[in-house]
Amino acid sequence: MKVSKEALRAEEKLNAAYRAVLRTDEGRLVLRDILALSGLLAPSCQPNGNGGFTSGSETFWREGRRSIGMALKNRLDGITAYAFAGLVEESAREIENERVKHQPARKSEESDE
């Protein structure tokens, strides 16, 4: 399949825009949010709380969301090999920092009881 010069230019222009977004903290935050909203890293079929799993229609809905995340991941992978991995790592670090921040303070072993 032959690709036109115009299509190649449009693709490179879009890739350049993604690279610009990836260079900013705000841009990476937005991309991480879109990836989280897509549910890309969560299974599509999940327990429903009643001992079963989500219905077929809910699973299909989740798969539709995940397809957006996969398209974004593929775009990022086409731009640079580490963009997606970097976003996932940043998200994991943020989650861990929040977990630690909200963890109850431990009592000191040296405290007088």
N, C-alpha and C. Protein backbone atom coordinates (compact mmCIF):
# COMPACT_ATOMS: atom_id res chain seq x y z
N MET A 1 0.84 -1.17 0.00
CA MET A 1 0.00 0.00 0.00
C MET A 1 0.88 1.24 0.00
N LYS A 2 0.67 2.08 -0.96
CA LYS A 2 1.47 3.29 -1.10
C LYS A 2 0.85 4.42 -0.28
N VAL A 3 1.70 5.12 0.48
CA VAL A 3 1.25 6.21 1.33
C VAL A 3 1.66 7.52 0.66
N SER A 4 0.73 8.45 0.62
CA SER A 4 1.01 9.73 -0.03
C SER A 4 1.95 10.57 0.81
N LYS A 5 2.61 11.51 0.14
CA LYS A 5 3.50 12.43 0.85
C LYS A 5 2.72 13.28 1.85
N GLU A 6 1.51 13.63 1.49
CA GLU A 6 0.68 14.43 2.40
C GLU A 6 0.37 13.65 3.67
N ALA A 7 0.06 12.37 3.52
CA ALA A 7 -0.24 11.53 4.69
C ALA A 7 1.00 11.39 5.57
N LEU A 8 2.16 11.23 4.96
CA LEU A 8 3.40 11.13 5.73
C LEU A 8 3.69 12.43 6.47
N ARG A 9 3.47 13.56 5.81
CA ARG A 9 3.68 14.86 6.47
C ARG A 9 2.71 15.04 7.64
N ALA A 10 1.46 14.66 7.43
CA ALA A 10 0.46 14.78 8.50
C ALA A 10 0.84 13.88 9.68
N GLU A 11 1.31 12.69 9.39
CA GLU A 11 1.73 11.76 10.45
C GLU A 11 2.91 12.32 11.23
N GLU A 12 3.88 12.89 10.53
CA GLU A 12 5.05 13.46 11.21
C GLU A 12 4.66 14.69 12.02
N LYS A 13 3.72 15.48 11.50
CA LYS A 13 3.25 16.65 12.24
C LYS A 13 2.57 16.21 13.55
N LEU A 14 1.76 15.17 13.48
CA LEU A 14 1.10 14.64 14.68
C LEU A 14 2.12 14.07 15.66
N ASN A 15 3.10 13.34 15.16
CA ASN A 15 4.16 12.80 16.04
C ASN A 15 4.94 13.92 16.71
N ALA A 16 5.20 15.00 15.99
CA ALA A 16 5.91 16.15 16.57
C ALA A 16 5.06 16.77 17.68
N ALA A 17 3.75 16.83 17.49
CA ALA A 17 2.87 17.37 18.52
C ALA A 17 2.90 16.49 19.76
N TYR A 18 2.87 15.18 19.57
CA TYR A 18 2.97 14.26 20.71
C TYR A 18 4.31 14.43 21.44
N ARG A 19 5.39 14.58 20.69
CA ARG A 19 6.70 14.78 21.34
C ARG A 19 6.70 16.06 22.17
N ALA A 20 6.06 17.11 21.65
CA ALA A 20 5.98 18.38 22.39
C ALA A 20 5.18 18.17 23.69
N VAL A 21 4.10 17.43 23.61
CA VAL A 21 3.28 17.15 24.80
C VAL A 21 4.09 16.34 25.81
N LEU A 22 4.85 15.37 25.34
CA LEU A 22 5.64 14.53 26.23
C LEU A 22 6.76 15.29 26.93
N ARG A 23 7.15 16.43 26.38
CA ARG A 23 8.24 17.22 26.98
C ARG A 23 7.78 18.05 28.18
N THR A 24 6.47 18.13 28.41
CA THR A 24 5.98 18.94 29.52
C THR A 24 5.38 18.06 30.60
N ASP A 25 5.52 18.50 31.85
CA ASP A 25 4.90 17.78 32.96
C ASP A 25 3.39 17.73 32.80
N GLU A 26 2.81 18.86 32.39
CA GLU A 26 1.36 18.93 32.21
C GLU A 26 0.90 17.98 31.10
N GLY A 27 1.64 17.93 30.03
CA GLY A 27 1.29 17.04 28.93
C GLY A 27 1.33 15.57 29.33
N ARG A 28 2.38 15.20 30.07
CA ARG A 28 2.48 13.81 30.54
C ARG A 28 1.35 13.49 31.52
N LEU A 29 0.98 14.47 32.35
CA LEU A 29 -0.12 14.27 33.29
C LEU A 29 -1.42 14.00 32.54
N VAL A 30 -1.69 14.76 31.49
CA VAL A 30 -2.90 14.55 30.69
C VAL A 30 -2.87 13.18 30.02
N LEU A 31 -1.75 12.79 29.44
CA LEU A 31 -1.65 11.48 28.80
C LEU A 31 -1.85 10.35 29.81
N ARG A 32 -1.27 10.51 31.00
CA ARG A 32 -1.45 9.51 32.05
C ARG A 32 -2.91 9.40 32.46
N ASP A 33 -3.60 10.54 32.51
CA ASP A 33 -5.02 10.54 32.85
C ASP A 33 -5.83 9.81 31.79
N ILE A 34 -5.54 10.07 30.53
CA ILE A 34 -6.26 9.39 29.44
C ILE A 34 -6.02 7.89 29.51
N LEU A 35 -4.77 7.49 29.76
CA LEU A 35 -4.47 6.06 29.88
C LEU A 35 -5.21 5.44 31.05
N ALA A 36 -5.28 6.15 32.17
CA ALA A 36 -6.02 5.63 33.33
C ALA A 36 -7.51 5.52 33.03
N LEU A 37 -8.07 6.55 32.38
CA LEU A 37 -9.49 6.52 32.03
C LEU A 37 -9.81 5.38 31.06
N SER A 38 -8.85 5.03 30.23
CA SER A 38 -9.08 3.96 29.26
C SER A 38 -9.13 2.58 29.91
N GLY A 39 -8.62 2.47 31.13
CA GLY A 39 -8.59 1.17 31.80
C GLY A 39 -7.62 0.21 31.15
N LEU A 40 -6.64 0.73 30.44
CA LEU A 40 -5.71 -0.10 29.68
C LEU A 40 -5.02 -1.15 30.54
N LEU A 41 -4.68 -0.80 31.75
CA LEU A 41 -3.92 -1.73 32.58
C LEU A 41 -4.81 -2.59 33.48
N ALA A 42 -6.13 -2.49 33.32
CA ALA A 42 -7.06 -3.29 34.11
C ALA A 42 -7.71 -4.34 33.22
N PRO A 43 -8.06 -5.50 33.79
CA PRO A 43 -8.74 -6.51 32.97
C PRO A 43 -10.14 -6.04 32.57
N SER A 44 -10.60 -6.43 31.41
CA SER A 44 -11.92 -6.03 30.93
C SER A 44 -13.03 -6.78 31.65
N CYS A 45 -12.79 -8.02 31.97
CA CYS A 45 -13.78 -8.83 32.67
C CYS A 45 -13.37 -8.86 34.14
N GLN A 46 -14.18 -8.27 35.00
CA GLN A 46 -13.82 -8.13 36.41
C GLN A 46 -14.90 -8.74 37.29
N PRO A 47 -14.52 -9.13 38.52
CA PRO A 47 -15.53 -9.64 39.46
C PRO A 47 -16.61 -8.59 39.71
N ASN A 48 -17.86 -9.03 39.83
CA ASN A 48 -18.96 -8.09 40.01
C ASN A 48 -19.39 -7.95 41.47
N GLY A 49 -18.75 -8.63 42.40
CA GLY A 49 -19.10 -8.54 43.80
C GLY A 49 -20.13 -9.56 44.24
N ASN A 50 -20.73 -10.27 43.30
CA ASN A 50 -21.72 -11.31 43.61
C ASN A 50 -21.18 -12.71 43.35
N GLY A 51 -19.87 -12.83 43.29
CA GLY A 51 -19.27 -14.13 43.03
C GLY A 51 -19.11 -14.44 41.55
N GLY A 52 -19.57 -13.56 40.69
CA GLY A 52 -19.45 -13.76 39.25
C GLY A 52 -18.57 -12.70 38.62
N PHE A 53 -18.76 -12.51 37.34
CA PHE A 53 -17.98 -11.52 36.63
C PHE A 53 -18.92 -10.55 35.92
N THR A 54 -18.36 -9.45 35.45
CA THR A 54 -19.16 -8.44 34.76
C THR A 54 -19.87 -9.06 33.56
N SER A 55 -20.99 -8.47 33.19
CA SER A 55 -21.78 -8.98 32.08
C SER A 55 -21.05 -8.76 30.76
N GLY A 56 -21.51 -9.44 29.73
CA GLY A 56 -20.90 -9.30 28.41
C GLY A 56 -20.93 -7.88 27.91
N SER A 57 -22.05 -7.17 28.11
CA SER A 57 -22.13 -5.79 27.61
C SER A 57 -21.14 -4.89 28.34
N GLU A 58 -20.96 -5.08 29.65
CA GLU A 58 -20.00 -4.26 30.39
C GLU A 58 -18.57 -4.59 29.96
N THR A 59 -18.31 -5.87 29.72
CA THR A 59 -16.98 -6.28 29.24
C THR A 59 -16.70 -5.65 27.88
N PHE A 60 -17.69 -5.66 27.00
CA PHE A 60 -17.51 -5.04 25.68
C PHE A 60 -17.26 -3.55 25.81
N TRP A 61 -17.98 -2.90 26.73
CA TRP A 61 -17.79 -1.46 26.97
C TRP A 61 -16.37 -1.20 27.44
N ARG A 62 -15.89 -2.03 28.38
CA ARG A 62 -14.51 -1.88 28.88
C ARG A 62 -13.50 -2.10 27.75
N GLU A 63 -13.78 -3.05 26.89
CA GLU A 63 -12.87 -3.31 25.76
C GLU A 63 -12.83 -2.12 24.81
N GLY A 64 -13.96 -1.45 24.62
CA GLY A 64 -13.97 -0.24 23.80
C GLY A 64 -13.10 0.84 24.40
N ARG A 65 -13.19 1.02 25.72
CA ARG A 65 -12.33 2.00 26.40
C ARG A 65 -10.86 1.60 26.24
N ARG A 66 -10.58 0.33 26.43
CA ARG A 66 -9.19 -0.14 26.34
C ARG A 66 -8.63 0.06 24.94
N SER A 67 -9.49 -0.02 23.91
CA SER A 67 -8.99 0.16 22.55
C SER A 67 -8.44 1.57 22.34
N ILE A 68 -9.02 2.55 23.02
CA ILE A 68 -8.48 3.92 22.95
C ILE A 68 -7.11 3.96 23.62
N GLY A 69 -6.99 3.32 24.77
CA GLY A 69 -5.70 3.25 25.46
C GLY A 69 -4.65 2.54 24.62
N MET A 70 -5.05 1.47 23.95
CA MET A 70 -4.09 0.75 23.09
C MET A 70 -3.66 1.61 21.90
N ALA A 71 -4.59 2.36 21.33
CA ALA A 71 -4.23 3.25 20.22
C ALA A 71 -3.24 4.31 20.69
N LEU A 72 -3.46 4.86 21.88
CA LEU A 72 -2.53 5.84 22.43
C LEU A 72 -1.17 5.20 22.72
N LYS A 73 -1.18 4.01 23.32
CA LYS A 73 0.07 3.29 23.59
C LYS A 73 0.84 3.04 22.30
N ASN A 74 0.15 2.57 21.27
CA ASN A 74 0.81 2.30 19.99
C ASN A 74 1.38 3.57 19.37
N ARG A 75 0.65 4.68 19.50
CA ARG A 75 1.14 5.97 18.99
C ARG A 75 2.42 6.34 19.73
N LEU A 76 2.39 6.25 21.06
CA LEU A 76 3.57 6.60 21.86
C LEU A 76 4.75 5.68 21.56
N ASP A 77 4.49 4.40 21.41
CA ASP A 77 5.56 3.45 21.08
C ASP A 77 6.18 3.75 19.72
N GLY A 78 5.36 4.28 18.80
CA GLY A 78 5.87 4.64 17.48
C GLY A 78 6.74 5.89 17.50
N ILE A 79 6.58 6.70 18.53
CA ILE A 79 7.34 7.94 18.65
C ILE A 79 8.68 7.69 19.33
N THR A 80 8.62 6.99 20.46
CA THR A 80 9.83 6.63 21.19
C THR A 80 9.55 5.38 22.00
N ALA A 81 10.52 4.53 22.10
CA ALA A 81 10.34 3.23 22.75
C ALA A 81 10.00 3.34 24.23
N TYR A 82 10.34 4.44 24.87
CA TYR A 82 10.19 4.52 26.31
C TYR A 82 9.08 5.46 26.78
N ALA A 83 8.36 6.08 25.89
CA ALA A 83 7.33 7.05 26.29
C ALA A 83 6.25 6.40 27.14
N PHE A 84 5.68 5.31 26.66
CA PHE A 84 4.60 4.65 27.40
C PHE A 84 5.13 4.11 28.73
N ALA A 85 6.27 3.44 28.70
CA ALA A 85 6.84 2.89 29.93
C ALA A 85 7.12 3.99 30.94
N GLY A 86 7.59 5.13 30.48
CA GLY A 86 7.84 6.26 31.37
C GLY A 86 6.58 6.77 32.02
N LEU A 87 5.49 6.85 31.25
CA LEU A 87 4.22 7.30 31.80
C LEU A 87 3.69 6.33 32.85
N VAL A 88 3.82 5.04 32.57
CA VAL A 88 3.38 4.02 33.53
C VAL A 88 4.22 4.11 34.81
N GLU A 89 5.52 4.29 34.65
CA GLU A 89 6.39 4.41 35.82
C GLU A 89 6.04 5.65 36.64
N GLU A 90 5.78 6.77 35.99
CA GLU A 90 5.40 7.99 36.70
C GLU A 90 4.10 7.77 37.48
N SER A 91 3.14 7.10 36.86
CA SER A 91 1.87 6.82 37.53
C SER A 91 2.07 5.93 38.74
N ALA A 92 2.89 4.90 38.59
CA ALA A 92 3.16 3.98 39.70
C ALA A 92 3.84 4.72 40.85
N ARG A 93 4.77 5.58 40.53
CA ARG A 93 5.45 6.37 41.57
C ARG A 93 4.48 7.29 42.29
N GLU A 94 3.58 7.92 41.54
CA GLU A 94 2.59 8.81 42.14
C GLU A 94 1.65 8.03 43.06
N ILE A 95 1.21 6.87 42.62
CA ILE A 95 0.33 6.03 43.44
C ILE A 95 1.04 5.63 44.73
N GLU A 96 2.28 5.22 44.63
CA GLU A 96 3.05 4.83 45.82
C GLU A 96 3.25 6.00 46.76
N ASN A 97 3.56 7.18 46.23
CA ASN A 97 3.73 8.36 47.07
C ASN A 97 2.44 8.70 47.81
N GLU A 98 1.30 8.59 47.13
CA GLU A 98 0.01 8.85 47.77
C GLU A 98 -0.28 7.81 48.85
N ARG A 99 0.06 6.56 48.57
CA ARG A 99 -0.17 5.49 49.55
C ARG A 99 0.64 5.75 50.81
N VAL A 100 1.89 6.10 50.64
CA VAL A 100 2.76 6.35 51.78
C VAL A 100 2.28 7.58 52.55
N LYS A 101 1.85 8.61 51.84
CA LYS A 101 1.40 9.85 52.47
C LYS A 101 0.17 9.60 53.34
N HIS A 102 -0.70 8.68 52.93
CA HIS A 102 -1.94 8.44 53.66
C HIS A 102 -1.84 7.25 54.62
N GLN A 103 -0.67 6.68 54.73
CA GLN A 103 -0.47 5.56 55.64
C GLN A 103 -0.44 6.09 57.07
N PRO A 104 -1.09 5.40 58.00
CA PRO A 104 -1.05 5.89 59.38
C PRO A 104 0.39 5.91 59.91
N ALA A 105 0.68 6.92 60.71
CA ALA A 105 2.02 7.03 61.28
C ALA A 105 2.26 5.88 62.25
N ARG A 106 3.44 5.31 62.18
CA ARG A 106 3.79 4.22 63.11
C ARG A 106 4.21 4.78 64.43
N LYS A 107 3.87 4.05 65.47
CA LYS A 107 4.33 4.47 66.79
C LYS A 107 5.80 4.13 66.93
N SER A 108 6.52 5.01 67.51
CA SER A 108 7.94 4.79 67.71
C SER A 108 8.14 3.70 68.75
N GLU A 109 9.11 2.84 68.53
CA GLU A 109 9.42 1.78 69.48
C GLU A 109 9.97 2.36 70.78
N GLU A 110 10.46 3.59 70.70
CA GLU A 110 11.05 4.20 71.88
C GLU A 110 10.04 5.00 72.68
N SER A 111 8.77 5.04 72.23
CA SER A 111 7.79 5.86 72.93
C SER A 111 7.45 5.26 74.28
N ASP A 112 7.07 6.11 75.22
CA ASP A 112 6.69 5.65 76.56
C ASP A 112 5.23 5.22 76.51
N GLU A 113 4.95 4.01 76.85
CA GLU A 113 3.58 3.52 76.85
C GLU A 113 3.14 3.20 78.22
